[in-house]
């Protein structure tokens, strides 16, 4: 599926990096054999990994059908040179194909008062942008949500497979942050606040 997404992005002329860089050699990929799988019950997996506190983001894009987005806590910085970030998205996501078509996205990093906004983007099938103020991000035009303390405007650099998710690498085109503002945190299934 990742190879298909990359071929599609190339075929439609999606934005690419303007500065060349030396790519690492392609890793040898193989399927995981049944005898290599660790028997982990999904509920226990979520319970244990829920102890890792994360920030919360909304990943947005705009294609010919308008704006699209989803709530995402699996986001991280990846590289300073070139400037790259990464997020993970489920293979069954209905938003991912729209991001792939657009070839661009904006990471909206949510603040401590934006739990309801996050919940709105975590549901499927609803009009997630109803009543949500936003403007175009400066380079890609992806929706930049009003009031977020930080944002990262990106083009899709590459896509990799990762089990039941895809690993999307974005090349940073622009970014910005407010001078202050506390993050929205997610820990053990609940939102929380940062306290120094």
N, C-alpha and C. Protein backbone atom coordinates (compact mmCIF):
# COMPACT_ATOMS: atom_id res chain seq x y z
N UNK A 1 0.82 -1.19 0.00
CA UNK A 1 0.00 0.00 0.00
C UNK A 1 0.87 1.26 0.00
N UNK A 2 1.98 1.23 0.75
CA UNK A 2 2.86 2.40 0.80
C UNK A 2 3.45 2.67 -0.57
N UNK A 3 3.88 1.61 -1.26
CA UNK A 3 4.46 1.79 -2.60
C UNK A 3 3.42 2.39 -3.54
N UNK A 4 2.17 1.95 -3.42
CA UNK A 4 1.10 2.49 -4.24
C UNK A 4 0.91 3.97 -3.97
N UNK A 5 0.94 4.35 -2.69
CA UNK A 5 0.78 5.76 -2.33
C UNK A 5 1.91 6.60 -2.92
N UNK A 6 3.14 6.10 -2.84
CA UNK A 6 4.28 6.85 -3.38
C UNK A 6 4.16 6.99 -4.89
N UNK A 7 3.78 5.87 -5.59
CA UNK A 7 3.60 5.95 -7.05
C UNK A 7 2.52 6.97 -7.40
N UNK A 8 1.42 6.97 -6.63
CA UNK A 8 0.35 7.92 -6.88
C UNK A 8 0.84 9.36 -6.71
N UNK A 9 1.57 9.61 -5.62
CA UNK A 9 2.07 10.97 -5.38
C UNK A 9 2.96 11.43 -6.52
N UNK A 10 3.81 10.53 -7.02
CA UNK A 10 4.69 10.89 -8.14
C UNK A 10 3.88 11.15 -9.40
N UNK A 11 2.83 10.32 -9.64
CA UNK A 11 2.06 10.44 -10.87
C UNK A 11 1.27 11.75 -10.94
N UNK A 12 0.86 12.28 -9.81
CA UNK A 12 0.07 13.52 -9.82
C UNK A 12 0.95 14.76 -9.61
N UNK A 13 2.25 14.53 -9.56
CA UNK A 13 3.15 15.68 -9.42
C UNK A 13 3.10 16.33 -8.07
N UNK A 14 2.93 15.52 -7.01
CA UNK A 14 2.89 16.07 -5.65
C UNK A 14 4.20 16.80 -5.37
N UNK A 15 4.15 17.79 -4.48
CA UNK A 15 5.35 18.55 -4.16
C UNK A 15 6.47 17.65 -3.67
N UNK A 16 7.67 17.96 -4.08
CA UNK A 16 8.84 17.19 -3.64
C UNK A 16 9.83 18.15 -3.00
N UNK A 17 10.82 17.59 -2.34
CA UNK A 17 11.83 18.41 -1.68
C UNK A 17 12.59 19.22 -2.72
N UNK A 18 12.88 20.46 -2.40
CA UNK A 18 13.59 21.32 -3.34
C UNK A 18 15.11 21.18 -3.20
N UNK A 19 15.56 20.74 -2.05
CA UNK A 19 16.99 20.56 -1.84
C UNK A 19 17.32 19.08 -1.84
N UNK A 20 18.25 18.66 -2.71
CA UNK A 20 18.58 17.23 -2.73
C UNK A 20 19.36 16.85 -1.47
N UNK A 21 19.21 15.60 -1.07
CA UNK A 21 19.98 15.07 0.03
C UNK A 21 20.29 13.62 -0.27
N UNK A 22 21.29 13.10 0.36
CA UNK A 22 21.70 11.74 0.11
C UNK A 22 20.84 10.78 0.92
N UNK A 23 20.10 9.96 0.22
CA UNK A 23 19.21 9.01 0.88
C UNK A 23 20.02 7.82 1.40
N UNK A 24 19.57 7.26 2.50
CA UNK A 24 20.19 6.05 3.03
C UNK A 24 19.82 4.87 2.14
N UNK A 25 20.63 3.79 2.17
CA UNK A 25 20.28 2.62 1.37
C UNK A 25 18.93 2.06 1.82
N UNK A 26 18.18 1.54 0.88
CA UNK A 26 16.86 0.97 1.19
C UNK A 26 17.05 -0.28 2.05
N UNK A 27 16.30 -0.37 3.17
CA UNK A 27 16.46 -1.54 4.03
C UNK A 27 15.85 -2.78 3.38
N UNK A 28 16.35 -3.94 3.76
CA UNK A 28 15.76 -5.20 3.31
C UNK A 28 14.48 -5.41 4.09
N UNK A 29 13.35 -5.53 3.40
CA UNK A 29 12.07 -5.73 4.04
C UNK A 29 11.62 -7.17 3.82
N UNK A 30 11.03 -7.74 4.84
CA UNK A 30 10.49 -9.09 4.71
C UNK A 30 9.26 -9.19 5.60
N UNK A 31 8.45 -10.19 5.32
CA UNK A 31 7.26 -10.41 6.13
C UNK A 31 7.66 -11.01 7.47
N UNK A 32 6.87 -10.74 8.50
CA UNK A 32 7.09 -11.32 9.82
C UNK A 32 6.48 -12.72 9.83
N UNK A 33 7.28 -13.70 10.18
CA UNK A 33 6.79 -15.08 10.24
C UNK A 33 5.93 -15.26 11.48
N UNK A 34 5.01 -16.25 11.42
CA UNK A 34 4.12 -16.51 12.56
C UNK A 34 4.90 -16.83 13.82
N UNK A 35 6.04 -17.53 13.69
CA UNK A 35 6.80 -17.90 14.89
C UNK A 35 7.57 -16.72 15.48
N UNK A 36 7.58 -15.56 14.79
CA UNK A 36 8.24 -14.36 15.31
C UNK A 36 7.26 -13.43 16.03
N UNK A 37 5.97 -13.69 15.89
CA UNK A 37 4.96 -12.82 16.48
C UNK A 37 4.88 -13.07 17.99
N UNK A 38 4.83 -11.97 18.73
CA UNK A 38 4.65 -12.04 20.16
C UNK A 38 3.16 -12.03 20.46
N UNK A 39 2.71 -12.98 21.23
CA UNK A 39 1.29 -13.05 21.56
C UNK A 39 0.96 -11.96 22.57
N UNK A 40 0.42 -10.86 22.09
CA UNK A 40 0.06 -9.74 22.95
C UNK A 40 -1.42 -9.45 22.74
N UNK A 41 -2.17 -9.45 23.80
CA UNK A 41 -3.60 -9.14 23.73
C UNK A 41 -3.75 -7.64 23.50
N UNK A 42 -4.58 -7.23 22.51
CA UNK A 42 -4.70 -5.79 22.18
C UNK A 42 -5.04 -4.90 23.37
N UNK A 43 -5.93 -5.34 24.24
CA UNK A 43 -6.28 -4.52 25.40
C UNK A 43 -5.10 -4.30 26.32
N UNK A 44 -4.29 -5.33 26.53
CA UNK A 44 -3.10 -5.20 27.37
C UNK A 44 -2.06 -4.30 26.71
N UNK A 45 -1.94 -4.43 25.39
CA UNK A 45 -1.03 -3.56 24.63
C UNK A 45 -1.40 -2.10 24.88
N UNK A 46 -2.69 -1.77 24.72
CA UNK A 46 -3.13 -0.38 24.92
C UNK A 46 -2.92 0.07 26.37
N UNK A 47 -3.23 -0.83 27.32
CA UNK A 47 -3.09 -0.46 28.73
C UNK A 47 -1.65 -0.12 29.08
N UNK A 48 -0.73 -0.96 28.67
CA UNK A 48 0.68 -0.75 29.01
C UNK A 48 1.24 0.47 28.28
N UNK A 49 1.00 0.57 26.97
CA UNK A 49 1.53 1.70 26.21
C UNK A 49 0.85 3.01 26.57
N UNK A 50 -0.34 2.93 27.18
CA UNK A 50 -1.03 4.13 27.63
C UNK A 50 -0.28 4.87 28.73
N UNK A 51 0.69 4.21 29.34
CA UNK A 51 1.49 4.86 30.38
C UNK A 51 2.49 5.86 29.79
N UNK A 52 2.65 5.81 28.47
CA UNK A 52 3.54 6.77 27.81
C UNK A 52 2.73 8.00 27.45
N UNK A 53 2.98 9.11 28.13
CA UNK A 53 2.24 10.35 27.86
C UNK A 53 2.70 10.95 26.54
N UNK A 54 1.74 11.46 25.77
CA UNK A 54 2.08 12.09 24.50
C UNK A 54 1.37 13.43 24.39
N UNK A 55 1.82 14.22 23.46
CA UNK A 55 1.06 15.39 23.05
C UNK A 55 -0.04 14.93 22.11
N UNK A 56 -0.88 15.87 21.69
CA UNK A 56 -1.98 15.54 20.80
C UNK A 56 -1.97 16.52 19.63
N UNK A 57 -2.19 16.00 18.43
CA UNK A 57 -2.22 16.84 17.24
C UNK A 57 -3.47 16.55 16.43
N UNK A 58 -3.76 17.45 15.51
CA UNK A 58 -4.74 17.20 14.46
C UNK A 58 -4.00 17.37 13.15
N UNK A 59 -3.99 16.31 12.34
CA UNK A 59 -3.33 16.34 11.03
C UNK A 59 -4.40 16.72 10.01
N UNK A 60 -4.14 17.77 9.25
CA UNK A 60 -5.13 18.27 8.29
C UNK A 60 -4.56 18.30 6.87
N UNK A 61 -5.46 18.30 5.92
CA UNK A 61 -5.09 18.45 4.51
C UNK A 61 -6.26 19.08 3.78
N UNK A 62 -6.03 19.46 2.54
CA UNK A 62 -7.11 19.97 1.69
C UNK A 62 -6.93 19.37 0.30
N UNK A 63 -8.00 18.74 -0.19
CA UNK A 63 -7.97 18.22 -1.55
C UNK A 63 -9.16 18.78 -2.32
N UNK A 64 -9.46 18.19 -3.47
CA UNK A 64 -10.55 18.73 -4.30
C UNK A 64 -11.91 18.64 -3.61
N UNK A 65 -12.04 17.80 -2.59
CA UNK A 65 -13.31 17.68 -1.85
C UNK A 65 -13.38 18.60 -0.64
N UNK A 66 -12.34 19.40 -0.40
CA UNK A 66 -12.34 20.32 0.73
C UNK A 66 -11.39 19.87 1.83
N UNK A 67 -11.59 20.38 3.06
CA UNK A 67 -10.68 20.06 4.15
C UNK A 67 -10.96 18.69 4.74
N UNK A 68 -9.91 18.07 5.28
CA UNK A 68 -10.02 16.78 5.95
C UNK A 68 -8.99 16.76 7.08
N UNK A 69 -9.25 15.94 8.09
CA UNK A 69 -8.29 15.86 9.19
C UNK A 69 -8.64 14.75 10.16
N UNK A 70 -7.68 14.42 11.01
CA UNK A 70 -7.91 13.41 12.04
C UNK A 70 -7.03 13.71 13.25
N UNK A 71 -7.48 13.28 14.43
CA UNK A 71 -6.71 13.43 15.66
C UNK A 71 -5.59 12.40 15.65
N UNK A 72 -4.41 12.80 16.09
CA UNK A 72 -3.24 11.92 16.02
C UNK A 72 -2.31 12.20 17.21
N UNK A 73 -2.00 11.16 17.96
CA UNK A 73 -1.03 11.33 19.04
C UNK A 73 0.32 10.71 18.67
N UNK A 74 0.36 9.95 17.58
CA UNK A 74 1.62 9.32 17.17
C UNK A 74 2.33 10.24 16.17
N UNK A 75 2.93 11.28 16.70
CA UNK A 75 3.65 12.29 15.92
C UNK A 75 4.97 12.58 16.61
N UNK A 76 6.01 12.82 15.83
CA UNK A 76 7.32 13.13 16.42
C UNK A 76 8.19 13.88 15.41
N UNK A 77 9.18 14.59 15.93
CA UNK A 77 10.21 15.14 15.06
C UNK A 77 11.11 13.98 14.64
N UNK A 78 11.69 14.08 13.46
CA UNK A 78 12.50 12.98 12.94
C UNK A 78 13.92 13.40 12.60
N UNK A 79 14.07 14.53 11.90
CA UNK A 79 15.39 14.93 11.43
C UNK A 79 15.50 16.45 11.38
N UNK A 80 16.67 16.94 11.75
CA UNK A 80 16.92 18.38 11.66
C UNK A 80 17.43 18.75 10.27
N UNK A 81 18.25 17.88 9.67
CA UNK A 81 18.84 18.16 8.37
C UNK A 81 18.78 16.92 7.49
N UNK A 82 17.80 16.80 6.59
CA UNK A 82 16.77 17.78 6.26
C UNK A 82 15.70 17.83 7.35
N UNK A 83 14.90 18.90 7.40
CA UNK A 83 13.89 19.02 8.44
C UNK A 83 12.69 18.11 8.17
N UNK A 84 12.57 17.04 8.97
CA UNK A 84 11.53 16.05 8.77
C UNK A 84 10.77 15.78 10.06
N UNK A 85 9.48 15.47 9.91
CA UNK A 85 8.66 14.99 11.01
C UNK A 85 8.01 13.69 10.55
N UNK A 86 7.39 12.98 11.50
CA UNK A 86 6.76 11.71 11.17
C UNK A 86 5.44 11.59 11.95
N UNK A 87 4.44 10.99 11.31
CA UNK A 87 3.24 10.60 12.03
C UNK A 87 2.80 9.23 11.52
N UNK A 88 2.04 8.53 12.35
CA UNK A 88 1.54 7.22 11.98
C UNK A 88 0.03 7.30 11.83
N UNK A 89 -0.49 6.59 10.83
CA UNK A 89 -1.92 6.59 10.55
C UNK A 89 -2.36 5.16 10.25
N UNK A 90 -3.52 4.78 10.76
CA UNK A 90 -4.06 3.45 10.51
C UNK A 90 -4.33 3.23 9.04
N UNK A 91 -4.09 2.02 8.57
CA UNK A 91 -4.32 1.71 7.16
C UNK A 91 -5.78 1.86 6.76
N UNK A 92 -6.69 1.78 7.73
CA UNK A 92 -8.12 1.90 7.43
C UNK A 92 -8.61 3.35 7.47
N UNK A 93 -7.73 4.28 7.74
CA UNK A 93 -8.12 5.70 7.82
C UNK A 93 -8.75 6.17 6.51
N UNK A 94 -9.85 6.91 6.62
CA UNK A 94 -10.45 7.50 5.43
C UNK A 94 -9.80 8.85 5.09
N UNK A 95 -9.06 9.41 6.05
CA UNK A 95 -8.38 10.69 5.79
C UNK A 95 -7.06 10.48 5.07
N UNK A 96 -6.37 9.36 5.35
CA UNK A 96 -5.07 9.14 4.73
C UNK A 96 -5.09 9.22 3.20
N UNK A 97 -6.04 8.56 2.50
CA UNK A 97 -6.01 8.68 1.04
C UNK A 97 -6.11 10.12 0.55
N UNK A 98 -6.80 10.96 1.30
CA UNK A 98 -6.92 12.36 0.92
C UNK A 98 -5.61 13.10 1.12
N UNK A 99 -4.88 12.76 2.20
CA UNK A 99 -3.55 13.34 2.41
C UNK A 99 -2.62 12.90 1.29
N UNK A 100 -2.69 11.62 0.94
CA UNK A 100 -1.84 11.09 -0.14
C UNK A 100 -2.14 11.81 -1.45
N UNK A 101 -3.43 12.02 -1.76
CA UNK A 101 -3.80 12.73 -2.99
C UNK A 101 -3.26 14.16 -3.00
N UNK A 102 -3.40 14.84 -1.85
CA UNK A 102 -2.95 16.23 -1.77
C UNK A 102 -1.43 16.33 -1.75
N UNK A 103 -0.76 15.32 -1.20
CA UNK A 103 0.70 15.35 -1.11
C UNK A 103 1.21 16.31 -0.05
N UNK A 104 0.31 16.76 0.84
CA UNK A 104 0.70 17.75 1.84
C UNK A 104 -0.22 17.65 3.05
N UNK A 105 0.26 18.17 4.17
CA UNK A 105 -0.53 18.16 5.40
C UNK A 105 0.01 19.20 6.36
N UNK A 106 -0.81 19.54 7.36
CA UNK A 106 -0.38 20.44 8.43
C UNK A 106 -0.59 19.73 9.75
N UNK A 107 0.43 19.70 10.59
CA UNK A 107 0.33 19.17 11.94
C UNK A 107 -0.07 20.34 12.84
N UNK A 108 -1.25 20.26 13.43
CA UNK A 108 -1.74 21.27 14.37
C UNK A 108 -1.53 20.72 15.77
N UNK A 109 -0.60 21.28 16.51
CA UNK A 109 -0.29 20.82 17.87
C UNK A 109 -1.27 21.50 18.83
N UNK A 110 -2.05 20.67 19.53
CA UNK A 110 -3.13 21.21 20.34
C UNK A 110 -2.68 21.71 21.70
N UNK A 111 -3.40 22.72 22.20
CA UNK A 111 -3.14 23.29 23.51
C UNK A 111 -4.04 22.69 24.57
N UNK A 112 -3.75 22.98 25.82
CA UNK A 112 -4.43 22.35 26.95
C UNK A 112 -5.93 22.55 26.99
N UNK A 113 -6.45 23.57 26.35
CA UNK A 113 -7.89 23.83 26.35
C UNK A 113 -8.60 23.26 25.12
N UNK A 114 -7.91 22.45 24.32
CA UNK A 114 -8.48 22.00 23.05
C UNK A 114 -8.87 20.53 23.04
N UNK A 115 -9.24 19.99 24.20
CA UNK A 115 -9.69 18.60 24.27
C UNK A 115 -10.94 18.33 23.45
N UNK A 116 -11.90 19.25 23.48
CA UNK A 116 -13.12 19.08 22.69
C UNK A 116 -12.83 19.11 21.20
N UNK A 117 -11.91 19.97 20.79
CA UNK A 117 -11.50 20.02 19.39
C UNK A 117 -10.91 18.68 18.98
N UNK A 118 -10.07 18.12 19.83
CA UNK A 118 -9.48 16.82 19.55
C UNK A 118 -10.55 15.75 19.40
N UNK A 119 -11.50 15.72 20.31
CA UNK A 119 -12.58 14.73 20.25
C UNK A 119 -13.38 14.85 18.95
N UNK A 120 -13.58 16.07 18.49
CA UNK A 120 -14.30 16.28 17.23
C UNK A 120 -13.58 15.68 16.04
N UNK A 121 -12.26 15.71 16.07
CA UNK A 121 -11.48 15.16 14.96
C UNK A 121 -11.19 13.67 15.14
N UNK A 122 -11.58 13.10 16.28
CA UNK A 122 -11.34 11.68 16.54
C UNK A 122 -12.50 10.80 16.07
N UNK A 123 -13.61 11.40 15.68
CA UNK A 123 -14.76 10.61 15.24
C UNK A 123 -14.74 10.41 13.73
N UNK A 124 -15.36 9.33 13.27
CA UNK A 124 -15.44 9.06 11.84
C UNK A 124 -16.80 9.46 11.31
N UNK A 125 -16.81 9.90 10.07
CA UNK A 125 -18.07 10.15 9.38
C UNK A 125 -18.71 11.50 9.61
N UNK A 126 -18.28 12.25 10.58
CA UNK A 126 -18.90 13.55 10.86
C UNK A 126 -18.20 14.65 10.06
N UNK A 127 -18.84 15.82 9.98
CA UNK A 127 -18.20 16.99 9.39
C UNK A 127 -17.28 17.58 10.46
N UNK A 128 -16.03 17.18 10.43
CA UNK A 128 -15.09 17.56 11.49
C UNK A 128 -14.78 19.05 11.50
N UNK A 129 -15.00 19.72 10.39
CA UNK A 129 -14.67 21.15 10.31
C UNK A 129 -15.86 22.05 10.59
N UNK A 130 -17.01 21.48 10.92
CA UNK A 130 -18.19 22.30 11.22
C UNK A 130 -17.91 23.18 12.44
N UNK A 131 -17.96 24.49 12.24
CA UNK A 131 -17.73 25.43 13.33
C UNK A 131 -16.29 25.59 13.75
N UNK A 132 -15.34 24.98 13.02
CA UNK A 132 -13.92 25.06 13.38
C UNK A 132 -13.25 26.11 12.49
N UNK A 133 -12.80 27.18 13.12
CA UNK A 133 -12.14 28.26 12.37
C UNK A 133 -10.74 27.81 11.97
N UNK A 134 -10.39 28.09 10.72
CA UNK A 134 -9.07 27.75 10.22
C UNK A 134 -8.72 28.65 9.04
N UNK A 135 -7.46 28.63 8.69
CA UNK A 135 -6.97 29.39 7.55
C UNK A 135 -5.94 28.52 6.81
N UNK A 136 -5.58 28.85 5.59
CA UNK A 136 -4.60 28.03 4.87
C UNK A 136 -3.20 28.18 5.47
N UNK A 137 -2.53 27.05 5.64
CA UNK A 137 -1.11 27.10 6.04
C UNK A 137 -0.34 27.79 4.94
N UNK A 138 0.76 28.47 5.27
CA UNK A 138 1.40 29.38 4.31
C UNK A 138 1.96 28.76 3.04
N UNK A 139 2.40 27.52 3.08
CA UNK A 139 3.01 26.92 1.89
C UNK A 139 2.07 25.95 1.20
N UNK A 140 1.52 25.00 1.92
CA UNK A 140 0.72 23.95 1.29
C UNK A 140 -0.76 24.28 1.20
N UNK A 141 -1.25 25.24 1.99
CA UNK A 141 -2.66 25.56 2.00
C UNK A 141 -3.49 24.61 2.83
N UNK A 142 -2.86 23.64 3.49
CA UNK A 142 -3.59 22.73 4.38
C UNK A 142 -4.19 23.54 5.52
N UNK A 143 -5.32 23.08 6.08
CA UNK A 143 -5.96 23.87 7.14
C UNK A 143 -5.09 24.02 8.39
N UNK A 144 -4.88 25.26 8.78
CA UNK A 144 -4.18 25.60 10.02
C UNK A 144 -5.27 26.06 10.98
N UNK A 145 -5.50 25.29 12.04
CA UNK A 145 -6.60 25.56 12.95
C UNK A 145 -6.32 26.77 13.83
N UNK A 146 -7.30 27.63 13.99
CA UNK A 146 -7.14 28.82 14.83
C UNK A 146 -6.90 28.41 16.28
N UNK A 147 -6.02 29.11 16.95
CA UNK A 147 -5.81 28.93 18.37
C UNK A 147 -4.84 27.83 18.77
N UNK A 148 -4.26 27.10 17.79
CA UNK A 148 -3.29 26.08 18.19
C UNK A 148 -1.99 26.77 18.60
N UNK A 149 -1.31 26.24 19.62
CA UNK A 149 -0.07 26.89 20.05
C UNK A 149 1.11 26.68 19.10
N UNK A 150 1.04 25.65 18.23
CA UNK A 150 2.13 25.42 17.29
C UNK A 150 1.60 24.63 16.09
N UNK A 151 2.28 24.77 14.97
CA UNK A 151 1.88 24.08 13.74
C UNK A 151 3.10 23.82 12.88
N UNK A 152 2.99 22.78 12.04
CA UNK A 152 4.07 22.40 11.13
C UNK A 152 3.44 22.08 9.77
N UNK A 153 3.79 22.84 8.75
CA UNK A 153 3.26 22.70 7.39
C UNK A 153 4.23 21.84 6.58
N UNK A 154 3.74 20.75 5.98
CA UNK A 154 4.64 19.76 5.38
C UNK A 154 4.16 19.26 4.02
N UNK A 155 5.11 18.75 3.25
CA UNK A 155 4.82 17.95 2.07
C UNK A 155 5.17 16.50 2.41
N UNK A 156 4.50 15.55 1.75
CA UNK A 156 4.78 14.14 2.00
C UNK A 156 6.13 13.79 1.38
N UNK A 157 7.06 13.33 2.22
CA UNK A 157 8.40 12.95 1.76
C UNK A 157 8.45 11.47 1.39
N UNK A 158 7.91 10.61 2.27
CA UNK A 158 7.91 9.17 2.01
C UNK A 158 6.88 8.50 2.90
N UNK A 159 6.55 7.27 2.56
CA UNK A 159 5.57 6.48 3.30
C UNK A 159 6.15 5.07 3.46
N UNK A 160 6.05 4.54 4.67
CA UNK A 160 6.58 3.21 4.98
C UNK A 160 5.49 2.38 5.66
N UNK A 161 5.58 1.09 5.53
CA UNK A 161 4.62 0.22 6.20
C UNK A 161 5.08 -0.05 7.62
N UNK A 162 4.12 -0.20 8.52
CA UNK A 162 4.40 -0.52 9.92
C UNK A 162 3.24 -1.29 10.50
N UNK A 163 3.14 -2.58 10.18
CA UNK A 163 2.04 -3.38 10.70
C UNK A 163 0.71 -2.89 10.18
N UNK A 164 -0.23 -2.59 11.10
CA UNK A 164 -1.55 -2.12 10.67
C UNK A 164 -1.59 -0.61 10.49
N UNK A 165 -0.42 0.04 10.51
CA UNK A 165 -0.33 1.48 10.29
C UNK A 165 0.64 1.80 9.15
N UNK A 166 0.56 3.02 8.69
CA UNK A 166 1.54 3.57 7.76
C UNK A 166 2.35 4.62 8.49
N UNK A 167 3.62 4.71 8.16
CA UNK A 167 4.53 5.68 8.76
C UNK A 167 4.77 6.75 7.70
N UNK A 168 4.27 7.94 7.95
CA UNK A 168 4.33 9.02 6.97
C UNK A 168 5.41 10.02 7.39
N UNK A 169 6.37 10.22 6.52
CA UNK A 169 7.45 11.18 6.77
C UNK A 169 7.13 12.45 6.00
N UNK A 170 7.15 13.58 6.70
CA UNK A 170 6.87 14.86 6.06
C UNK A 170 8.07 15.77 6.07
N UNK A 171 8.26 16.45 4.96
CA UNK A 171 9.33 17.46 4.87
C UNK A 171 8.73 18.80 5.25
N UNK A 172 9.33 19.46 6.22
CA UNK A 172 8.80 20.73 6.73
C UNK A 172 8.99 21.84 5.70
N UNK A 173 7.87 22.51 5.38
CA UNK A 173 7.90 23.64 4.47
C UNK A 173 7.81 24.96 5.22
N UNK A 174 7.12 24.96 6.37
CA UNK A 174 6.98 26.15 7.22
C UNK A 174 6.51 25.67 8.58
N UNK A 175 6.75 26.48 9.60
CA UNK A 175 6.28 26.14 10.94
C UNK A 175 6.19 27.39 11.78
N UNK A 176 5.48 27.28 12.89
CA UNK A 176 5.34 28.44 13.76
C UNK A 176 4.79 28.04 15.11
N UNK A 177 5.01 28.90 16.09
CA UNK A 177 4.53 28.64 17.45
C UNK A 177 4.24 29.95 18.14
N UNK A 178 3.28 29.90 19.07
CA UNK A 178 2.97 31.05 19.91
C UNK A 178 4.08 31.21 20.95
N UNK A 179 4.18 32.38 21.52
CA UNK A 179 5.20 32.63 22.54
C UNK A 179 4.94 31.84 23.82
N UNK A 180 3.67 31.57 24.09
CA UNK A 180 3.34 30.81 25.30
C UNK A 180 2.21 29.85 24.98
N UNK A 181 1.76 29.13 25.96
CA UNK A 181 0.69 28.16 25.75
C UNK A 181 1.14 26.78 26.18
N UNK A 182 0.31 26.13 26.97
CA UNK A 182 0.64 24.79 27.46
C UNK A 182 0.03 23.74 26.55
N UNK A 183 0.67 22.56 26.45
CA UNK A 183 0.19 21.52 25.55
C UNK A 183 -0.97 20.71 26.13
N UNK A 184 -1.74 20.12 25.24
CA UNK A 184 -2.73 19.12 25.62
C UNK A 184 -1.99 17.78 25.67
N UNK A 185 -2.10 17.09 26.79
CA UNK A 185 -1.43 15.80 26.94
C UNK A 185 -2.44 14.67 26.98
N UNK A 186 -2.01 13.49 26.57
CA UNK A 186 -2.84 12.30 26.60
C UNK A 186 -2.10 11.21 27.36
N UNK A 187 -2.75 10.67 28.41
CA UNK A 187 -2.11 9.68 29.26
C UNK A 187 -3.17 8.73 29.81
N UNK A 188 -2.98 7.44 29.60
CA UNK A 188 -3.88 6.41 30.10
C UNK A 188 -5.34 6.67 29.75
N UNK A 189 -5.55 7.06 28.50
CA UNK A 189 -6.90 7.23 27.99
C UNK A 189 -7.58 8.54 28.34
N UNK A 190 -6.84 9.47 28.97
CA UNK A 190 -7.45 10.74 29.37
C UNK A 190 -6.56 11.91 28.97
N UNK A 191 -7.20 13.07 28.79
CA UNK A 191 -6.45 14.29 28.55
C UNK A 191 -5.95 14.84 29.88
N UNK A 192 -4.83 15.53 29.81
CA UNK A 192 -4.27 16.16 31.00
C UNK A 192 -3.51 17.42 30.63
N UNK A 193 -2.92 18.04 31.63
CA UNK A 193 -2.16 19.28 31.44
C UNK A 193 -0.76 19.12 31.97
N UNK A 194 0.12 19.92 31.41
CA UNK A 194 1.51 19.92 31.84
C UNK A 194 1.66 20.83 33.06
N UNK A 195 2.37 20.33 34.05
CA UNK A 195 2.64 21.13 35.23
C UNK A 195 4.13 21.03 35.54
N UNK A 196 4.87 22.15 35.40
CA UNK A 196 6.32 22.08 35.61
C UNK A 196 6.68 21.73 37.05
